[in-house]
């Protein structure tokens, strides 16, 4: 142990030294009071013990408190913090949604609310710059219980020699109330009334012992916090630091350009763009310079017009004309091309501290960058898409698991995107929870040009008026035997190819 009498000793702990001094003082107090009266000695010992306890308590570290999981906060994170344009993002969104249903689903139902509708309403609210405070209740669950599905707890309270029993917590449901009087050797169930948290037995008199088992909810509801300040704000001194307006403008321009690229990607994939448009408007409104703001708004308007032309007819969009290098030389028209090497590896020399030696060293690192696929960001790349459809005869459980779309007629299906090629169609005739087939055969089609084999006659027709609508016909073998009718299917999957018109790697 470090000698606490030596000041500024390396390795010494002030808290441990203080506790050791308290213990030494207690030893001295005991020695000094050996011949004193018992009452005086006890009083002195108790005082010294209190000091020792305080010194030892100073050595204990306070464990950090894990905050509760708040529904309003989790709902906002579900909508704003998860990118649902990727497969990983969709999986994360569904997992988070299932966890919220497990934690708060029953409580929301008791309030007459549904999680799916709250998500829809909150998405619209957040897209316009609002919040979820007015839509969602301010409820929370302990972090230790989040995701477990356990939202309640069983509690038992007892009291002796009393006529009533006051519960320690607010009950959600009373399981049983029992009492034992002086002339009884065992507990019996009793009739009672509940007044708040007070259990009042119907039979009057004093009980030798009363006990109650009840259920409490772990979901706590807090009032919506008041947003209005209770007192006027104090006046703040004027800052002597002036903002670099040029740097702020460049930062805003960079942010808006990134948002525009994301908007182009969503538009090309026929995905919702309301939120990204709201973000662009918000970023533009935040610009302080009037002249720079006017320039950005003009650029945005021009970009919107060009975007309409681009997505209306991407193949015939205007080519890029490069000015000639010298007088009399012909101008060059550059076609959209894809380079063979799409990843570029660069070697950079950087200076950084070594985590082991703590010395600053100069090292060479490799950096991989995506090359621009095409000059204008246009690339007719083939992308495979799969969609599920179901009729009202399919069980809701299977429909939800597949994420399928409800339709009235399986012979006419409207796809989300215009198909370039139909790869395969699979139909299943499932009826009832036991998935009865009722004698109907499966519907199966594979594109012979993609997979080979026999296509068993005409399987689909793309409607000329609506390029997203396909019409499925009944399949027949070469010998004329009927194989399967799409009208008898209860669930159908269509796998097809679309042409992705926008290059996601374009950095232009």
Protein backbone atom coordinates (compact mmCIF):
# COMPACT_ATOMS: atom_id res chain seq x y z
CA UNK A 1 0.00 0.00 0.00
CA UNK A 2 1.26 3.49 -0.79
CA UNK A 3 2.28 5.55 2.24
CA UNK A 4 -0.47 8.16 2.47
CA UNK A 5 1.73 10.40 4.64
CA UNK A 6 4.05 11.16 1.69
CA UNK A 7 2.60 13.99 -0.43
CA UNK A 8 2.39 13.72 -4.24
CA UNK A 9 3.53 10.09 -4.19
CA UNK A 10 3.31 8.47 -7.66
CA UNK A 11 0.79 5.64 -7.78
CA UNK A 12 -1.01 6.76 -4.63
CA UNK A 13 -4.81 6.94 -4.68
CA UNK A 14 -6.28 9.94 -2.81
CA UNK A 15 -9.55 8.05 -2.27
CA UNK A 16 -7.77 4.96 -0.88
CA UNK A 17 -5.54 7.13 1.28
CA UNK A 18 -8.60 8.91 2.72
CA UNK A 19 -10.27 5.57 3.54
CA UNK A 20 -7.05 4.29 5.18
CA UNK A 21 -6.85 7.43 7.35
CA UNK A 22 -10.45 6.87 8.49
CA UNK A 23 -9.64 3.26 9.48
CA UNK A 24 -6.50 4.40 11.38
CA UNK A 25 -8.61 7.02 13.20
CA UNK A 26 -11.10 4.29 14.15
CA UNK A 27 -8.28 2.17 15.61
CA UNK A 28 -7.01 5.11 17.64
CA UNK A 29 -10.56 5.86 18.87
CA UNK A 30 -11.02 2.27 20.05
CA UNK A 31 -7.70 2.37 21.90
CA UNK A 32 -8.51 5.70 23.55
CA UNK A 33 -11.98 4.60 24.74
CA UNK A 34 -11.03 1.24 26.26
CA UNK A 35 -11.32 2.62 29.79
CA UNK A 36 -14.26 4.97 29.10
CA UNK A 37 -17.92 4.37 29.96
CA UNK A 38 -19.72 1.99 27.62
CA UNK A 39 -22.17 4.62 26.40
CA UNK A 40 -19.39 7.14 25.62
CA UNK A 41 -17.35 4.46 23.84
CA UNK A 42 -20.34 3.32 21.73
CA UNK A 43 -21.12 6.88 20.67
CA UNK A 44 -17.50 7.50 19.67
CA UNK A 45 -17.32 4.20 17.76
CA UNK A 46 -20.54 4.93 15.83
CA UNK A 47 -19.24 8.35 14.75
CA UNK A 48 -15.93 6.87 13.60
CA UNK A 49 -17.69 4.01 11.76
CA UNK A 50 -19.80 6.55 9.84
CA UNK A 51 -16.62 8.28 8.69
CA UNK A 52 -15.08 4.93 7.64
CA UNK A 53 -18.18 4.04 5.61
CA UNK A 54 -18.09 7.41 3.85
CA UNK A 55 -14.44 6.88 2.98
CA UNK A 56 -15.04 3.39 1.61
CA UNK A 57 -18.05 4.56 -0.39
CA UNK A 58 -15.73 7.00 -2.14
CA UNK A 59 -13.89 4.03 -3.67
CA UNK A 60 -17.02 2.68 -5.38
CA UNK A 61 -17.66 3.62 -9.01
CA UNK A 62 -21.18 4.56 -10.07
CA UNK A 63 -22.39 2.22 -12.79
CA UNK A 64 -23.70 4.07 -15.85
CA UNK A 65 -27.45 4.11 -16.21
CA UNK A 66 -28.78 2.52 -19.41
CA UNK A 67 -31.56 4.76 -20.75
CA UNK A 68 -35.00 3.37 -21.45
CA UNK A 69 -36.04 2.63 -25.05
CA UNK A 70 -38.45 5.41 -26.08
CA UNK A 71 -41.10 4.69 -28.73
CA UNK A 72 -41.12 8.21 -30.23
CA UNK A 73 -37.33 8.14 -30.58
CA UNK A 74 -37.27 4.61 -32.06
CA UNK A 75 -40.07 5.48 -34.53
CA UNK A 76 -38.13 8.52 -35.75
CA UNK A 77 -34.93 6.47 -36.12
CA UNK A 78 -36.84 3.76 -38.01
CA UNK A 79 -37.93 6.27 -40.66
CA UNK A 80 -34.97 8.68 -40.84
CA UNK A 81 -31.91 6.53 -40.10
CA UNK A 82 -32.52 3.44 -42.27
CA UNK A 83 -31.89 3.54 -46.02
CA UNK A 84 -34.73 1.47 -47.48
CA UNK A 85 -33.34 1.67 -51.03
CA UNK A 86 -31.00 -1.27 -50.40
CA UNK A 87 -31.63 -4.92 -49.56
CA UNK A 88 -29.71 -4.56 -46.31
CA UNK A 89 -31.72 -1.46 -45.42
CA UNK A 90 -35.05 -3.20 -46.07
CA UNK A 91 -33.97 -6.12 -43.85
CA UNK A 92 -32.90 -3.72 -41.09
CA UNK A 93 -36.19 -1.83 -41.42
CA UNK A 94 -38.27 -5.02 -41.10
CA UNK A 95 -36.22 -6.24 -38.12
CA UNK A 96 -36.61 -2.91 -36.34
CA UNK A 97 -40.34 -2.83 -37.11
CA UNK A 98 -40.77 -6.35 -35.66
CA UNK A 99 -38.89 -5.32 -32.51
CA UNK A 100 -41.13 -2.25 -32.03
CA UNK A 101 -44.21 -4.46 -32.50
CA UNK A 102 -42.88 -6.85 -29.85
CA UNK A 103 -42.10 -4.05 -27.39
CA UNK A 104 -45.03 -1.66 -27.89
CA UNK A 105 -47.62 -3.48 -30.06
CA UNK A 106 -50.01 -4.49 -27.27
CA UNK A 107 -49.83 -1.09 -25.58
CA UNK A 108 -50.60 0.67 -28.87
CA UNK A 109 -53.62 -1.62 -29.45
CA UNK A 110 -54.94 -0.77 -25.98
CA UNK A 111 -54.82 2.88 -27.03
CA UNK A 112 -56.63 2.13 -30.30
CA UNK A 113 -53.50 2.69 -32.40
CA UNK A 114 -51.77 0.55 -35.02
CA UNK A 115 -48.01 0.47 -35.62
CA UNK A 116 -48.32 0.26 -39.44
CA UNK A 117 -50.53 3.37 -39.64
CA UNK A 118 -48.26 5.24 -37.22
CA UNK A 119 -45.27 4.48 -39.46
CA UNK A 120 -47.16 5.74 -42.53
CA UNK A 121 -48.35 8.93 -40.82
CA UNK A 122 -44.96 9.59 -39.22
CA UNK A 123 -43.20 9.18 -42.58
CA UNK A 124 -45.37 11.92 -44.10
CA UNK A 125 -44.89 14.13 -41.05
CA UNK A 126 -41.10 13.80 -40.98
CA UNK A 127 -40.84 14.32 -44.76
CA UNK A 128 -42.25 17.82 -44.32
CA UNK A 129 -39.92 18.74 -41.47
CA UNK A 130 -42.29 17.87 -38.61
CA UNK A 131 -41.95 15.39 -35.74
CA UNK A 132 -43.89 12.43 -34.33
CA UNK A 133 -44.71 13.96 -30.93
CA UNK A 134 -48.35 14.66 -31.78
CA UNK A 135 -48.87 11.27 -33.48
CA UNK A 136 -47.18 8.72 -31.23
CA UNK A 137 -47.58 8.30 -27.46
CA UNK A 138 -44.54 9.08 -25.33
CA UNK A 139 -44.07 5.54 -24.00
CA UNK A 140 -40.89 3.67 -23.13
CA UNK A 141 -39.66 0.29 -21.94
CA UNK A 142 -36.55 -0.58 -19.88
CA UNK A 143 -33.56 -1.34 -22.10
CA UNK A 144 -33.10 -4.75 -20.46
CA UNK A 145 -36.58 -5.83 -21.61
CA UNK A 146 -36.45 -4.37 -25.12
CA UNK A 147 -36.68 -7.04 -27.80
CA UNK A 148 -37.55 -9.83 -25.36
CA UNK A 149 -41.33 -9.62 -25.74
CA UNK A 150 -41.64 -9.33 -21.93
CA UNK A 151 -43.64 -6.19 -21.20
CA UNK A 152 -45.21 -7.15 -17.86
CA UNK A 153 -44.01 -8.36 -14.44
CA UNK A 154 -45.65 -10.25 -11.57
CA UNK A 155 -45.43 -8.57 -8.13
CA UNK A 156 -46.50 -9.73 -4.65
CA UNK A 157 -47.17 -7.36 -1.72
CA UNK A 158 -47.88 -8.33 1.92
CA UNK A 159 -48.94 -6.51 5.07
CA UNK A 160 -49.40 -7.71 8.69
CA UNK A 161 -52.05 -6.71 11.23
CA UNK A 162 -53.96 -4.42 8.90
CA UNK A 163 -57.49 -3.98 7.56
CA UNK A 164 -56.35 -2.90 4.04
CA UNK A 165 -53.37 -3.47 1.75
CA UNK A 166 -51.73 -0.62 -0.15
CA UNK A 167 -49.94 -1.91 -3.25
CA UNK A 168 -46.41 -0.71 -3.91
CA UNK A 169 -47.03 -0.29 -7.65
CA UNK A 170 -49.96 0.49 -9.94
CA UNK A 171 -51.61 -2.81 -10.96
CA UNK A 172 -52.48 -3.70 -14.54
CA UNK A 173 -54.30 -6.86 -13.45
CA UNK A 174 -54.98 -8.40 -10.00
CA UNK A 175 -54.21 -12.12 -9.99
CA UNK A 176 -55.29 -13.00 -6.44
CA UNK A 177 -55.90 -11.49 -3.02
CA UNK A 178 -55.63 -13.70 0.09
CA UNK A 179 -55.95 -13.10 3.80
CA UNK A 180 -55.37 -14.89 7.08
CA UNK A 181 -57.12 -13.91 10.33
CA UNK A 182 -56.01 -14.67 13.87
CA UNK A 183 -58.19 -17.78 14.07
CA UNK A 184 -56.83 -19.17 10.77
CA UNK A 185 -53.68 -21.19 10.13
CA UNK A 186 -53.68 -20.78 6.34
CA UNK A 187 -54.51 -18.20 3.68
CA UNK A 188 -57.87 -18.09 1.89
CA UNK A 189 -59.07 -16.09 -1.12
CA UNK A 190 -61.11 -13.05 -0.10
CA UNK A 191 -63.52 -10.72 -1.85
CA UNK A 192 -62.26 -7.18 -2.16
CA UNK A 193 -62.61 -3.83 -3.90
CA UNK A 194 -59.78 -1.83 -5.44
CA UNK A 195 -59.52 1.90 -4.80
CA UNK A 196 -56.53 3.13 -6.78
CA UNK A 197 -53.67 1.13 -5.26
CA UNK A 198 -55.57 0.27 -2.02
CA UNK A 199 -57.16 -3.19 -1.65
CA UNK A 200 -60.14 -3.10 0.71
CA UNK A 201 -61.48 -6.54 1.83
CA UNK A 202 -65.29 -6.91 1.79
CA UNK A 203 -65.18 -8.47 5.26
CA UNK A 204 -64.28 -5.79 7.78
CA UNK A 205 -61.78 -6.30 10.56
CA UNK A 206 -58.07 -6.67 11.07
CA UNK A 207 -56.23 -9.44 9.24
CA UNK A 208 -53.22 -11.17 10.72
CA UNK A 209 -51.74 -10.99 7.20
CA UNK A 210 -52.90 -9.83 3.77
CA UNK A 211 -51.17 -10.57 0.48
CA UNK A 212 -51.86 -9.82 -3.17
CA UNK A 213 -50.34 -10.99 -6.44
CA UNK A 214 -50.79 -8.72 -9.44
CA UNK A 215 -49.38 -7.83 -12.85
CA UNK A 216 -47.71 -4.50 -13.60
CA UNK A 217 -46.78 -3.16 -17.02
CA UNK A 218 -43.17 -2.33 -17.77
CA UNK A 219 -44.30 0.20 -20.37
CA UNK A 220 -44.26 3.66 -18.82
CA UNK A 221 -45.99 6.66 -20.36
CA UNK A 222 -44.51 10.08 -19.91
CA UNK A 223 -46.19 13.41 -20.64
CA UNK A 224 -45.18 15.20 -23.81
CA UNK A 225 -42.40 17.60 -22.91
CA UNK A 226 -43.28 21.31 -23.05
CA UNK A 227 -41.37 22.95 -25.89
CA UNK A 228 -41.97 26.53 -24.69
CA UNK A 229 -39.20 27.89 -22.46
CA UNK A 230 -40.32 28.66 -18.91
CA UNK A 231 -38.15 31.79 -18.62
CA UNK A 232 -36.93 34.26 -21.23
CA UNK A 233 -33.48 33.46 -22.61
CA UNK A 234 -30.51 35.39 -21.33
CA UNK A 235 -28.95 37.86 -23.71
CA UNK A 236 -25.84 36.43 -25.30
CA UNK A 237 -22.80 38.51 -26.04
CA UNK A 238 -22.17 39.18 -29.71
CA UNK A 239 -19.61 36.75 -31.08
CA UNK A 240 -16.41 38.27 -32.40
CA UNK A 241 -15.95 35.29 -34.74
CA UNK A 242 -17.22 35.91 -38.26
CA UNK A 243 -18.24 32.95 -40.39
CA UNK A 244 -16.38 32.19 -43.60
CA UNK A 245 -19.30 32.77 -45.97
CA UNK A 246 -17.47 31.24 -48.94
CA UNK A 247 -16.76 28.01 -47.01
CA UNK A 248 -20.37 27.86 -45.80
CA UNK A 249 -21.64 28.31 -49.36
CA UNK A 250 -19.34 25.58 -50.69
CA UNK A 251 -20.52 23.23 -47.95
CA UNK A 252 -24.18 23.92 -48.80
CA UNK A 253 -23.49 23.42 -52.51
CA UNK A 254 -21.75 20.10 -51.84
CA UNK A 255 -24.67 18.89 -49.70
CA UNK A 256 -27.28 19.88 -52.30
CA UNK A 257 -25.31 18.19 -55.11
CA UNK A 258 -25.22 14.94 -53.13
CA UNK A 259 -28.96 15.17 -52.54
CA UNK A 260 -29.58 15.73 -56.26
CA UNK A 261 -27.60 12.59 -57.14
CA UNK A 262 -29.67 10.60 -54.68
CA UNK A 263 -32.85 12.13 -56.17
CA UNK A 264 -31.76 10.99 -59.65
CA UNK A 265 -31.18 7.44 -58.38
CA UNK A 266 -34.60 7.26 -56.70
CA UNK A 267 -36.35 8.69 -59.77
CA UNK A 268 -34.66 6.18 -62.09
CA UNK A 269 -35.77 3.28 -59.88
CA UNK A 270 -39.36 4.63 -59.53
CA UNK A 271 -38.95 4.97 -55.76
CA UNK A 272 -40.60 7.67 -53.56
CA UNK A 273 -38.82 11.04 -53.70
CA UNK A 274 -40.90 13.15 -51.27
CA UNK A 275 -38.35 13.06 -48.44
CA UNK A 276 -35.32 13.80 -50.59
CA UNK A 277 -37.14 16.76 -52.19
CA UNK A 278 -37.96 18.06 -48.71
CA UNK A 279 -34.28 17.72 -47.73
CA UNK A 280 -33.22 19.70 -50.81
CA UNK A 281 -35.70 22.49 -49.96
CA UNK A 282 -34.47 22.54 -46.36
CA UNK A 283 -30.82 22.75 -47.43
CA UNK A 284 -31.59 25.56 -49.87
CA UNK A 285 -33.54 27.55 -47.25
CA UNK A 286 -30.54 27.30 -44.90
CA UNK A 287 -28.31 29.29 -47.29
CA UNK A 288 -27.67 32.75 -45.80
CA UNK A 289 -26.31 34.52 -48.87
CA UNK A 290 -29.19 35.84 -50.99
CA UNK A 291 -27.13 35.92 -54.20
CA UNK A 292 -25.80 32.39 -53.73
CA UNK A 293 -29.27 31.15 -52.77
CA UNK A 294 -30.73 32.64 -55.97
CA UNK A 295 -27.99 30.96 -58.03
CA UNK A 296 -28.66 27.56 -56.42
CA UNK A 297 -32.42 27.86 -56.97
CA UNK A 298 -31.81 28.67 -60.66
CA UNK A 299 -29.47 25.68 -61.00
CA UNK A 300 -32.04 23.41 -59.32
CA UNK A 301 -34.76 24.57 -61.71
CA UNK A 302 -32.50 23.93 -64.71
CA UNK A 303 -31.54 20.51 -63.38
CA UNK A 304 -35.22 19.62 -62.92
CA UNK A 305 -35.95 20.43 -66.57
CA UNK A 306 -32.97 18.41 -67.78
CA UNK A 307 -34.02 15.53 -65.54
CA UNK A 308 -37.45 15.44 -67.19
CA UNK A 309 -35.86 15.18 -70.63
CA UNK A 310 -33.37 12.58 -69.44
CA UNK A 311 -35.90 10.17 -67.95
CA UNK A 312 -38.46 10.76 -70.69
CA UNK A 313 -36.09 9.45 -73.40
CA UNK A 314 -32.71 8.43 -71.93
CA UNK A 315 -31.43 6.74 -75.09
CA UNK A 316 -31.86 9.85 -77.24
CA UNK A 317 -30.70 12.35 -74.64
CA UNK A 318 -28.36 14.99 -76.05
CA UNK A 319 -24.71 13.87 -76.66
CA UNK A 320 -21.71 15.63 -75.15
CA UNK A 321 -19.85 18.03 -77.43
CA UNK A 322 -16.22 18.73 -76.51
CA UNK A 323 -14.68 21.99 -77.82
CA UNK A 324 -11.93 21.46 -80.39
CA UNK A 325 -8.31 21.87 -79.34
CA UNK A 326 -7.34 24.20 -82.19
CA UNK A 327 -8.94 26.34 -84.87
CA UNK A 328 -10.23 24.31 -87.81
CA UNK A 329 -10.24 20.99 -85.94
CA UNK A 330 -13.54 19.13 -85.94
CA UNK A 331 -15.48 18.86 -82.68
CA UNK A 332 -15.66 15.42 -81.04
CA UNK A 333 -18.90 13.78 -79.95
CA UNK A 334 -18.28 11.35 -77.06
CA UNK A 335 -20.56 8.32 -76.83
CA UNK A 336 -21.64 6.74 -73.55
CA UNK A 337 -19.21 3.93 -72.82
CA UNK A 338 -18.26 1.64 -69.97
CA UNK A 339 -14.56 1.23 -69.10
CA UNK A 340 -13.13 -2.26 -68.69
CA UNK A 341 -11.55 -1.38 -65.33
CA UNK A 342 -14.19 0.19 -63.10
CA UNK A 343 -12.09 0.32 -59.91
CA UNK A 344 -9.02 2.58 -59.72
CA UNK A 345 -6.37 1.93 -57.04
CA UNK A 346 -4.27 4.92 -56.05
CA UNK A 347 -1.25 5.02 -53.72
CA UNK A 348 -1.12 8.02 -51.39
CA UNK A 349 1.59 9.10 -48.92
CA UNK A 350 0.14 10.14 -45.56
CA UNK A 351 1.56 11.17 -42.18
CA UNK A 352 -0.08 9.68 -39.10
CA UNK A 353 0.85 8.55 -35.56
CA UNK A 354 1.81 4.90 -34.98
CA UNK A 355 -0.69 3.46 -32.42
CA UNK A 356 2.07 1.30 -30.89
CA UNK A 357 5.13 3.57 -30.75
CA UNK A 358 3.11 6.81 -30.55
CA UNK A 359 5.59 8.28 -33.06
CA UNK A 360 4.53 10.19 -36.17
CA UNK A 361 5.41 8.19 -39.27
CA UNK A 362 5.10 8.68 -43.05
CA UNK A 363 3.49 5.67 -44.73
CA UNK A 364 1.99 4.77 -48.12
CA UNK A 365 -1.63 3.60 -48.28
CA UNK A 366 -3.78 2.23 -51.11
CA UNK A 367 -7.10 3.89 -51.91
CA UNK A 368 -9.68 2.28 -54.20
CA UNK A 369 -12.07 4.54 -56.10
CA UNK A 370 -15.03 3.73 -58.34
CA UNK A 371 -14.55 4.91 -61.89
CA UNK A 372 -17.33 6.76 -63.66
CA UNK A 373 -19.28 4.13 -65.56
CA UNK A 374 -20.53 6.59 -68.14
CA UNK A 375 -19.89 10.21 -68.97
CA UNK A 376 -23.42 11.41 -68.25
CA UNK A 377 -24.28 8.81 -65.65
CA UNK A 378 -26.45 6.86 -68.08
CA UNK A 379 -26.05 3.08 -68.15
CA UNK A 380 -28.63 0.63 -69.52
CA UNK A 381 -27.58 -2.05 -67.05
CA UNK A 382 -29.81 -5.10 -66.61
CA UNK A 383 -31.23 -5.60 -63.12
CA UNK A 384 -33.26 -8.63 -62.02
CA UNK A 385 -36.44 -7.93 -60.02
CA UNK A 386 -38.89 -10.35 -58.36
CA UNK A 387 -42.45 -9.47 -57.29
CA UNK A 388 -45.08 -11.51 -55.41
CA UNK A 389 -48.86 -11.34 -55.91
CA UNK A 390 -51.71 -13.06 -54.03
CA UNK A 391 -55.50 -13.33 -54.00
CA UNK A 392 -57.90 -13.05 -51.07
CA UNK A 393 -57.92 -16.86 -50.73
CA UNK A 394 -54.29 -16.91 -49.51
CA UNK A 395 -53.70 -16.96 -45.74
CA UNK A 396 -52.63 -13.53 -44.36
CA UNK A 397 -49.63 -15.11 -42.64
CA UNK A 398 -48.08 -16.37 -45.87
CA UNK A 399 -48.95 -13.17 -47.72
CA UNK A 400 -47.22 -11.04 -45.07
CA UNK A 401 -44.16 -13.28 -45.02
CA UNK A 402 -43.74 -12.98 -48.78
CA UNK A 403 -44.57 -9.26 -48.86
CA UNK A 404 -46.95 -9.89 -51.75
CA UNK A 405 -49.51 -7.57 -53.36
CA UNK A 406 -53.25 -8.33 -53.26
CA UNK A 407 -54.89 -8.65 -56.70
CA UNK A 408 -58.35 -9.65 -57.93
CA UNK A 409 -57.26 -11.40 -61.13
CA UNK A 410 -54.11 -13.51 -61.42
CA UNK A 411 -54.32 -13.51 -65.22
CA UNK A 412 -53.54 -9.76 -65.34
CA UNK A 413 -50.69 -8.46 -63.20
CA UNK A 414 -49.35 -4.89 -63.09
CA UNK A 415 -45.63 -4.81 -62.28
CA UNK A 416 -43.89 -1.98 -60.45
CA UNK A 417 -41.47 -1.38 -63.33
CA UNK A 418 -41.56 -1.87 -67.08
CA UNK A 419 -40.10 -5.31 -67.84
CA UNK A 420 -37.36 -5.74 -70.41
CA UNK A 421 -37.67 -9.54 -70.31
CA UNK A 422 -39.87 -11.90 -68.29
CA UNK A 423 -37.52 -14.55 -66.89
CA UNK A 424 -39.86 -16.84 -64.95
CA UNK A 425 -43.38 -17.10 -63.51
CA UNK A 426 -44.30 -19.41 -60.63
CA UNK A 427 -47.83 -19.95 -59.31
CA UNK A 428 -49.11 -21.97 -56.33
CA UNK A 429 -52.76 -22.97 -55.63
CA UNK A 430 -52.79 -22.74 -51.80
CA UNK A 431 -56.17 -22.68 -50.02
CA UNK A 432 -56.67 -22.57 -46.23
CA UNK A 433 -54.18 -22.86 -43.39
CA UNK A 434 -53.25 -26.40 -44.51
CA UNK A 435 -52.37 -25.12 -48.02
CA UNK A 436 -54.88 -27.33 -49.85
CA UNK A 437 -54.42 -27.46 -53.63
CA UNK A 438 -57.98 -28.54 -54.58
CA UNK A 439 -56.62 -30.53 -57.50
CA UNK A 440 -55.15 -27.54 -59.34
CA UNK A 441 -51.70 -27.89 -60.85
CA UNK A 442 -48.78 -25.54 -60.27
CA UNK A 443 -48.17 -22.80 -62.82
CA UNK A 444 -44.56 -22.74 -64.03
CA UNK A 445 -42.91 -20.81 -66.85
CA UNK A 446 -39.20 -20.37 -67.67
CA UNK A 447 -38.05 -18.15 -70.51
CA UNK A 448 -36.53 -20.58 -73.07
CA UNK A 449 -34.13 -17.92 -74.34
CA UNK A 450 -32.70 -17.48 -70.82
CA UNK A 451 -32.92 -21.00 -69.37
CA UNK A 452 -33.46 -23.24 -72.41
CA UNK A 453 -36.06 -26.00 -72.63
CA UNK A 454 -39.69 -25.90 -73.79
CA UNK A 455 -41.92 -23.00 -72.78
CA UNK A 456 -45.17 -25.01 -73.23
CA UNK A 457 -46.86 -22.45 -75.44
CA UNK A 458 -47.61 -18.76 -74.89
CA UNK A 459 -47.43 -17.87 -71.18
CA UNK A 460 -47.54 -14.08 -71.07
CA UNK A 461 -48.38 -11.06 -73.20
CA UNK A 462 -47.21 -7.51 -72.42
CA UNK A 463 -50.04 -5.03 -72.96
CA UNK A 464 -49.10 -2.42 -75.54
CA UNK A 465 -51.08 0.36 -73.82
CA UNK A 466 -49.64 -0.29 -70.34
CA UNK A 467 -46.04 -1.62 -70.62
CA UNK A 468 -46.14 -2.66 -66.96
CA UNK A 469 -49.20 -4.93 -67.43
CA UNK A 470 -48.68 -8.60 -68.32
CA UNK A 471 -51.44 -11.06 -69.21
CA UNK A 472 -50.93 -14.73 -68.33
CA UNK A 473 -52.62 -17.51 -70.33
CA UNK A 474 -53.38 -21.12 -69.49
CA UNK A 475 -50.47 -23.50 -70.13
CA UNK A 476 -50.81 -26.53 -72.44
CA UNK A 477 -48.41 -29.36 -73.33
CA UNK A 478 -47.57 -30.25 -76.92
CA UNK A 479 -50.13 -33.08 -76.77
CA UNK A 480 -52.88 -30.58 -75.91
CA UNK A 481 -53.29 -31.59 -72.24
CA UNK A 482 -54.07 -28.64 -70.01
CA UNK A 483 -51.30 -28.08 -67.47
CA UNK A 484 -52.21 -25.09 -65.27
CA UNK A 485 -54.50 -22.08 -65.28
CA UNK A 486 -53.23 -18.82 -63.68
CA UNK A 487 -56.79 -18.00 -62.63
CA UNK A 488 -56.65 -20.89 -60.13
CA UNK A 489 -53.44 -19.69 -58.43
CA UNK A 490 -53.54 -18.00 -55.01
CA UNK A 491 -49.91 -16.80 -54.97
CA UNK A 492 -47.68 -15.90 -57.91
CA UNK A 493 -44.07 -14.75 -58.33
CA UNK A 494 -42.90 -12.91 -61.43
CA UNK A 495 -39.14 -12.65 -62.03
CA UNK A 496 -38.11 -10.18 -64.72
CA UNK A 497 -35.32 -7.92 -65.97
CA UNK A 498 -35.47 -4.12 -66.05
CA UNK A 499 -32.99 -1.69 -67.54
CA UNK A 500 -31.42 0.52 -64.90
CA UNK A 501 -31.10 3.89 -66.60
CA UNK A 502 -29.01 5.68 -63.97
CA UNK A 503 -25.47 4.73 -63.04
CA UNK A 504 -25.25 4.77 -59.18
CA UNK A 505 -21.44 5.16 -59.36
CA UNK A 506 -21.56 8.34 -61.43
CA UNK A 507 -19.50 11.07 -59.73
CA UNK A 508 -19.84 13.78 -62.45
